[in-house]
Amino acid sequence: MSEASEPVRRKTPGWKIALRIIVPTCLLLSLVGGMVVGYAVIGKGDIAEAFQWSTWKHVFDLVFAS
């Protein structure tokens, strides 16, 4: 008398789901915080300029210019 058994589904623990959300969020916040501190606080620039594409293109050109 064997019944057709259904495959056992394991429930993903809540901490694994939270970890997949928390780690990328912390990395993104670290990136933004580093940009603001590096450009606005240490570099004494305007905070709004730290988020403009032209600023980072200019930095890239300065670093990798021949």
PDB file of N, CA and C in Angstrom:
ATOM      1  N   MET A   1       0.820  -1.182   0.000  1.00  0.00           N
ATOM      2  CA  MET A   1       0.000   0.000   0.000  1.00  0.00           C
ATOM      3  C   MET A   1       0.868   1.250   0.000  1.00  0.00           C
ATOM      4  N   SER A   2       1.404   1.576  -1.096  1.00  0.00           N
ATOM      5  CA  SER A   2       2.188   2.807  -1.144  1.00  0.00           C
ATOM      6  C   SER A   2       1.393   3.868  -1.883  1.00  0.00           C
ATOM      7  N   GLU A   3       1.328   4.984  -1.281  1.00  0.00           N
ATOM      8  CA  GLU A   3       0.646   6.106  -1.913  1.00  0.00           C
ATOM      9  C   GLU A   3       1.664   6.908  -2.706  1.00  0.00           C
ATOM     10  N   ALA A   4       1.188   7.561  -3.719  1.00  0.00           N
ATOM     11  CA  ALA A   4       2.074   8.428  -4.485  1.00  0.00           C
ATOM     12  C   ALA A   4       2.423   9.622  -3.609  1.00  0.00           C
ATOM     13  N   SER A   5       3.675   9.700  -3.223  1.00  0.00           N
ATOM     14  CA  SER A   5       4.070  10.779  -2.320  1.00  0.00           C
ATOM     15  C   SER A   5       4.433  12.028  -3.114  1.00  0.00           C
ATOM     16  N   GLU A   6       4.057  13.130  -2.564  1.00  0.00           N
ATOM     17  CA  GLU A   6       4.385  14.414  -3.179  1.00  0.00           C
ATOM     18  C   GLU A   6       5.788  14.818  -2.765  1.00  0.00           C
ATOM     19  N   PRO A   7       6.493  15.502  -3.647  1.00  0.00           N
ATOM     20  CA  PRO A   7       7.838  15.945  -3.261  1.00  0.00           C
ATOM     21  C   PRO A   7       7.759  16.937  -2.094  1.00  0.00           C
ATOM     22  N   VAL A   8       8.710  16.803  -1.212  1.00  0.00           N
ATOM     23  CA  VAL A   8       8.739  17.663  -0.034  1.00  0.00           C
ATOM     24  C   VAL A   8       9.338  19.006  -0.432  1.00  0.00           C
ATOM     25  N   ARG A   9       8.596  20.054  -0.160  1.00  0.00           N
ATOM     26  CA  ARG A   9       9.090  21.408  -0.447  1.00  0.00           C
ATOM     27  C   ARG A   9       9.586  22.003   0.846  1.00  0.00           C
ATOM     28  N   ARG A  10      10.810  22.421   0.808  1.00  0.00           N
ATOM     29  CA  ARG A  10      11.367  23.058   2.006  1.00  0.00           C
ATOM     30  C   ARG A  10      11.125  24.553   1.924  1.00  0.00           C
ATOM     31  N   LYS A  11      10.747  25.096   3.015  1.00  0.00           N
ATOM     32  CA  LYS A  11      10.483  26.531   3.071  1.00  0.00           C
ATOM     33  C   LYS A  11      11.799  27.273   3.258  1.00  0.00           C
ATOM     34  N   THR A  12      12.011  28.297   2.458  1.00  0.00           N
ATOM     35  CA  THR A  12      13.219  29.108   2.578  1.00  0.00           C
ATOM     36  C   THR A  12      13.130  29.929   3.856  1.00  0.00           C
ATOM     37  N   PRO A  13      14.165  29.855   4.682  1.00  0.00           N
ATOM     38  CA  PRO A  13      14.134  30.629   5.931  1.00  0.00           C
ATOM     39  C   PRO A  13      14.050  32.137   5.663  1.00  0.00           C
ATOM     40  N   GLY A  14      13.370  32.819   6.549  1.00  0.00           N
ATOM     41  CA  GLY A  14      13.186  34.258   6.394  1.00  0.00           C
ATOM     42  C   GLY A  14      14.484  35.032   6.402  1.00  0.00           C
ATOM     43  N   TRP A  15      15.492  34.545   7.135  1.00  0.00           N
ATOM     44  CA  TRP A  15      16.754  35.276   7.210  1.00  0.00           C
ATOM     45  C   TRP A  15      17.492  35.229   5.879  1.00  0.00           C
ATOM     46  N   LYS A  16      17.305  34.167   5.098  1.00  0.00           N
ATOM     47  CA  LYS A  16      17.956  34.112   3.783  1.00  0.00           C
ATOM     48  C   LYS A  16      17.330  35.113   2.826  1.00  0.00           C
ATOM     49  N   ILE A  17      16.012  35.227   2.904  1.00  0.00           N
ATOM     50  CA  ILE A  17      15.322  36.201   2.057  1.00  0.00           C
ATOM     51  C   ILE A  17      15.724  37.613   2.469  1.00  0.00           C
ATOM     52  N   ALA A  18      15.760  37.865   3.765  1.00  0.00           N
ATOM     53  CA  ALA A  18      16.147  39.187   4.252  1.00  0.00           C
ATOM     54  C   ALA A  18      17.583  39.504   3.866  1.00  0.00           C
ATOM     55  N   LEU A  19      18.447  38.499   3.906  1.00  0.00           N
ATOM     56  CA  LEU A  19      19.852  38.702   3.550  1.00  0.00           C
ATOM     57  C   LEU A  19      20.004  39.098   2.086  1.00  0.00           C
ATOM     58  N   ARG A  20      19.180  38.527   1.235  1.00  0.00           N
ATOM     59  CA  ARG A  20      19.231  38.871  -0.196  1.00  0.00           C
ATOM     60  C   ARG A  20      18.743  40.282  -0.466  1.00  0.00           C
ATOM     61  N   ILE A  21      18.015  40.847   0.448  1.00  0.00           N
ATOM     62  CA  ILE A  21      17.551  42.229   0.302  1.00  0.00           C
ATOM     63  C   ILE A  21      18.487  43.184   1.029  1.00  0.00           C
ATOM     64  N   ILE A  22      18.936  42.818   2.221  1.00  0.00           N
ATOM     65  CA  ILE A  22      19.737  43.714   3.054  1.00  0.00           C
ATOM     66  C   ILE A  22      21.134  43.934   2.484  1.00  0.00           C
ATOM     67  N   VAL A  23      21.788  42.887   2.009  1.00  0.00           N
ATOM     68  CA  VAL A  23      23.170  43.023   1.523  1.00  0.00           C
ATOM     69  C   VAL A  23      23.260  43.967   0.323  1.00  0.00           C
ATOM     70  N   PRO A  24      22.461  43.789  -0.746  1.00  0.00           N
ATOM     71  CA  PRO A  24      22.551  44.762  -1.850  1.00  0.00           C
ATOM     72  C   PRO A  24      22.169  46.181  -1.439  1.00  0.00           C
ATOM     73  N   THR A  25      21.205  46.299  -0.525  1.00  0.00           N
ATOM     74  CA  THR A  25      20.817  47.632  -0.050  1.00  0.00           C
ATOM     75  C   THR A  25      21.964  48.297   0.694  1.00  0.00           C
ATOM     76  N   CYS A  26      22.650  47.547   1.547  1.00  0.00           N
ATOM     77  CA  CYS A  26      23.799  48.100   2.279  1.00  0.00           C
ATOM     78  C   CYS A  26      24.932  48.474   1.318  1.00  0.00           C
ATOM     79  N   LEU A  27      25.158  47.652   0.305  1.00  0.00           N
ATOM     80  CA  LEU A  27      26.198  47.968  -0.677  1.00  0.00           C
ATOM     81  C   LEU A  27      25.865  49.243  -1.457  1.00  0.00           C
ATOM     82  N   LEU A  28      24.606  49.396  -1.833  1.00  0.00           N
ATOM     83  CA  LEU A  28      24.195  50.599  -2.556  1.00  0.00           C
ATOM     84  C   LEU A  28      24.312  51.844  -1.670  1.00  0.00           C
ATOM     85  N   LEU A  29      23.896  51.725  -0.417  1.00  0.00           N
ATOM     86  CA  LEU A  29      24.021  52.858   0.505  1.00  0.00           C
ATOM     87  C   LEU A  29      25.485  53.209   0.765  1.00  0.00           C
ATOM     88  N   SER A  30      26.348  52.207   0.810  1.00  0.00           N
ATOM     89  CA  SER A  30      27.783  52.458   0.991  1.00  0.00           C
ATOM     90  C   SER A  30      28.362  53.190  -0.209  1.00  0.00           C
ATOM     91  N   LEU A  31      27.939  52.799  -1.393  1.00  0.00           N
ATOM     92  CA  LEU A  31      28.412  53.466  -2.607  1.00  0.00           C
ATOM     93  C   LEU A  31      27.991  54.930  -2.624  1.00  0.00           C
ATOM     94  N   VAL A  32      26.723  55.173  -2.348  1.00  0.00           N
ATOM     95  CA  VAL A  32      26.218  56.554  -2.342  1.00  0.00           C
ATOM     96  C   VAL A  32      26.884  57.360  -1.229  1.00  0.00           C
ATOM     97  N   GLY A  33      27.017  56.775  -0.050  1.00  0.00           N
ATOM     98  CA  GLY A  33      27.672  57.478   1.057  1.00  0.00           C
ATOM     99  C   GLY A  33      29.128  57.789   0.749  1.00  0.00           C
ATOM    100  N   GLY A  34      29.816  56.847   0.124  1.00  0.00           N
ATOM    101  CA  GLY A  34      31.204  57.087  -0.255  1.00  0.00           C
ATOM    102  C   GLY A  34      31.344  58.176  -1.300  1.00  0.00           C
ATOM    103  N   MET A  35      30.412  58.211  -2.245  1.00  0.00           N
ATOM    104  CA  MET A  35      30.441  59.275  -3.256  1.00  0.00           C
ATOM    105  C   MET A  35      30.250  60.640  -2.609  1.00  0.00           C
ATOM    106  N   VAL A  36      29.305  60.738  -1.701  1.00  0.00           N
ATOM    107  CA  VAL A  36      29.019  62.022  -1.051  1.00  0.00           C
ATOM    108  C   VAL A  36      30.185  62.450  -0.175  1.00  0.00           C
ATOM    109  N   VAL A  37      30.703  61.532   0.638  1.00  0.00           N
ATOM    110  CA  VAL A  37      31.816  61.882   1.518  1.00  0.00           C
ATOM    111  C   VAL A  37      33.051  62.235   0.709  1.00  0.00           C
ATOM    112  N   GLY A  38      33.365  61.437  -0.290  1.00  0.00           N
ATOM    113  CA  GLY A  38      34.564  61.686  -1.084  1.00  0.00           C
ATOM    114  C   GLY A  38      34.493  62.952  -1.907  1.00  0.00           C
ATOM    115  N   TYR A  39      33.355  63.196  -2.516  1.00  0.00           N
ATOM    116  CA  TYR A  39      33.253  64.356  -3.414  1.00  0.00           C
ATOM    117  C   TYR A  39      32.871  65.632  -2.677  1.00  0.00           C
ATOM    118  N   ALA A  40      31.901  65.542  -1.782  1.00  0.00           N
ATOM    119  CA  ALA A  40      31.384  66.755  -1.144  1.00  0.00           C
ATOM    120  C   ALA A  40      32.156  67.134   0.119  1.00  0.00           C
ATOM    121  N   VAL A  41      32.513  66.162   0.942  1.00  0.00           N
ATOM    122  CA  VAL A  41      33.163  66.482   2.213  1.00  0.00           C
ATOM    123  C   VAL A  41      34.666  66.638   2.026  1.00  0.00           C
ATOM    124  N   ILE A  42      35.309  65.613   1.495  1.00  0.00           N
ATOM    125  CA  ILE A  42      36.765  65.669   1.326  1.00  0.00           C
ATOM    126  C   ILE A  42      37.146  66.591   0.176  1.00  0.00           C
ATOM    127  N   GLY A  43      36.424  66.469  -0.950  1.00  0.00           N
ATOM    128  CA  GLY A  43      36.751  67.278  -2.124  1.00  0.00           C
ATOM    129  C   GLY A  43      36.169  68.672  -2.107  1.00  0.00           C
ATOM    130  N   LYS A  44      35.344  68.974  -1.109  1.00  0.00           N
ATOM    131  CA  LYS A  44      34.707  70.284  -0.941  1.00  0.00           C
ATOM    132  C   LYS A  44      33.913  70.713  -2.173  1.00  0.00           C
ATOM    133  N   GLY A  45      33.258  69.745  -2.818  1.00  0.00           N
ATOM    134  CA  GLY A  45      32.392  70.045  -3.955  1.00  0.00           C
ATOM    135  C   GLY A  45      30.941  70.103  -3.517  1.00  0.00           C
ATOM    136  N   ASP A  46      30.068  70.374  -4.457  1.00  0.00           N
ATOM    137  CA  ASP A  46      28.639  70.427  -4.180  1.00  0.00           C
ATOM    138  C   ASP A  46      28.080  69.006  -4.186  1.00  0.00           C
ATOM    139  N   ILE A  47      27.201  68.714  -3.237  1.00  0.00           N
ATOM    140  CA  ILE A  47      26.642  67.361  -3.138  1.00  0.00           C
ATOM    141  C   ILE A  47      25.880  66.996  -4.406  1.00  0.00           C
ATOM    142  N   ALA A  48      25.168  67.933  -5.000  1.00  0.00           N
ATOM    143  CA  ALA A  48      24.394  67.652  -6.211  1.00  0.00           C
ATOM    144  C   ALA A  48      25.304  67.249  -7.371  1.00  0.00           C
ATOM    145  N   GLU A  49      26.507  67.796  -7.412  1.00  0.00           N
ATOM    146  CA  GLU A  49      27.439  67.455  -8.487  1.00  0.00           C
ATOM    147  C   GLU A  49      27.948  66.020  -8.361  1.00  0.00           C
ATOM    148  N   ALA A  50      27.903  65.459  -7.171  1.00  0.00           N
ATOM    149  CA  ALA A  50      28.368  64.083  -6.968  1.00  0.00           C
ATOM    150  C   ALA A  50      27.478  63.078  -7.681  1.00  0.00           C
ATOM    151  N   PHE A  51      26.271  63.466  -8.033  1.00  0.00           N
ATOM    152  CA  PHE A  51      25.342  62.554  -8.684  1.00  0.00           C
ATOM    153  C   PHE A  51      25.139  62.859 -10.161  1.00  0.00           C
ATOM    154  N   GLN A  52      25.952  63.733 -10.731  1.00  0.00           N
ATOM    155  CA  GLN A  52      25.847  64.036 -12.156  1.00  0.00           C
ATOM    156  C   GLN A  52      26.802  63.155 -12.950  1.00  0.00           C
ATOM    157  N   TRP A  53      26.319  62.652 -14.082  1.00  0.00           N
ATOM    158  CA  TRP A  53      27.126  61.783 -14.930  1.00  0.00           C
ATOM    159  C   TRP A  53      28.356  62.520 -15.468  1.00  0.00           C
ATOM    160  N   SER A  54      28.225  63.785 -15.790  1.00  0.00           N
ATOM    161  CA  SER A  54      29.338  64.545 -16.363  1.00  0.00           C
ATOM    162  C   SER A  54      30.507  64.656 -15.387  1.00  0.00           C
ATOM    163  N   THR A  55      30.222  64.714 -14.112  1.00  0.00           N
ATOM    164  CA  THR A  55      31.281  64.772 -13.108  1.00  0.00           C
ATOM    165  C   THR A  55      32.123  63.509 -13.145  1.00  0.00           C
ATOM    166  N   TRP A  56      31.488  62.362 -13.161  1.00  0.00           N
ATOM    167  CA  TRP A  56      32.219  61.098 -13.133  1.00  0.00           C
ATOM    168  C   TRP A  56      32.880  60.793 -14.472  1.00  0.00           C
ATOM    169  N   LYS A  57      32.317  61.301 -15.563  1.00  0.00           N
ATOM    170  CA  LYS A  57      32.976  61.164 -16.865  1.00  0.00           C
ATOM    171  C   LYS A  57      34.265  61.975 -16.864  1.00  0.00           C
ATOM    172  N   HIS A  58      34.215  63.162 -16.272  1.00  0.00           N
ATOM    173  CA  HIS A  58      35.401  64.008 -16.188  1.00  0.00           C
ATOM    174  C   HIS A  58      36.475  63.346 -15.305  1.00  0.00           C
ATOM    175  N   VAL A  59      36.079  62.780 -14.191  1.00  0.00           N
ATOM    176  CA  VAL A  59      37.022  62.073 -13.319  1.00  0.00           C
ATOM    177  C   VAL A  59      37.644  60.900 -14.050  1.00  0.00           C
ATOM    178  N   PHE A  60      36.839  60.133 -14.765  1.00  0.00           N
ATOM    179  CA  PHE A  60      37.333  58.994 -15.544  1.00  0.00           C
ATOM    180  C   PHE A  60      38.338  59.454 -16.587  1.00  0.00           C
ATOM    181  N   ASP A  61      38.011  60.554 -17.274  1.00  0.00           N
ATOM    182  CA  ASP A  61      38.944  61.089 -18.285  1.00  0.00           C
ATOM    183  C   ASP A  61      40.246  61.547 -17.658  1.00  0.00           C
ATOM    184  N   LEU A  62      40.189  62.133 -16.475  1.00  0.00           N
ATOM    185  CA  LEU A  62      41.417  62.563 -15.806  1.00  0.00           C
ATOM    186  C   LEU A  62      42.277  61.373 -15.394  1.00  0.00           C
ATOM    187  N   VAL A  63      41.655  60.329 -14.900  1.00  0.00           N
ATOM    188  CA  VAL A  63      42.407  59.172 -14.418  1.00  0.00           C
ATOM    189  C   VAL A  63      43.027  58.395 -15.565  1.00  0.00           C
ATOM    190  N   PHE A  64      42.262  58.191 -16.641  1.00  0.00           N
ATOM    191  CA  PHE A  64      42.725  57.337 -17.717  1.00  0.00           C
ATOM    192  C   PHE A  64      43.187  58.107 -18.957  1.00  0.00           C
ATOM    193  N   ALA A  65      43.503  59.380 -18.812  1.00  0.00           N
ATOM    194  CA  ALA A  65      44.018  60.158 -19.941  1.00  0.00           C
ATOM    195  C   ALA A  65      45.437  59.714 -20.253  1.00  0.00           C
ATOM    196  N   SER A  66      45.762  59.755 -21.519  1.00  0.00           N
ATOM    197  CA  SER A  66      47.123  59.334 -21.913  1.00  0.00           C
ATOM    198  C   SER A  66      48.114  60.454 -21.805  1.00  0.00           C
TER     199      SER A  66
END
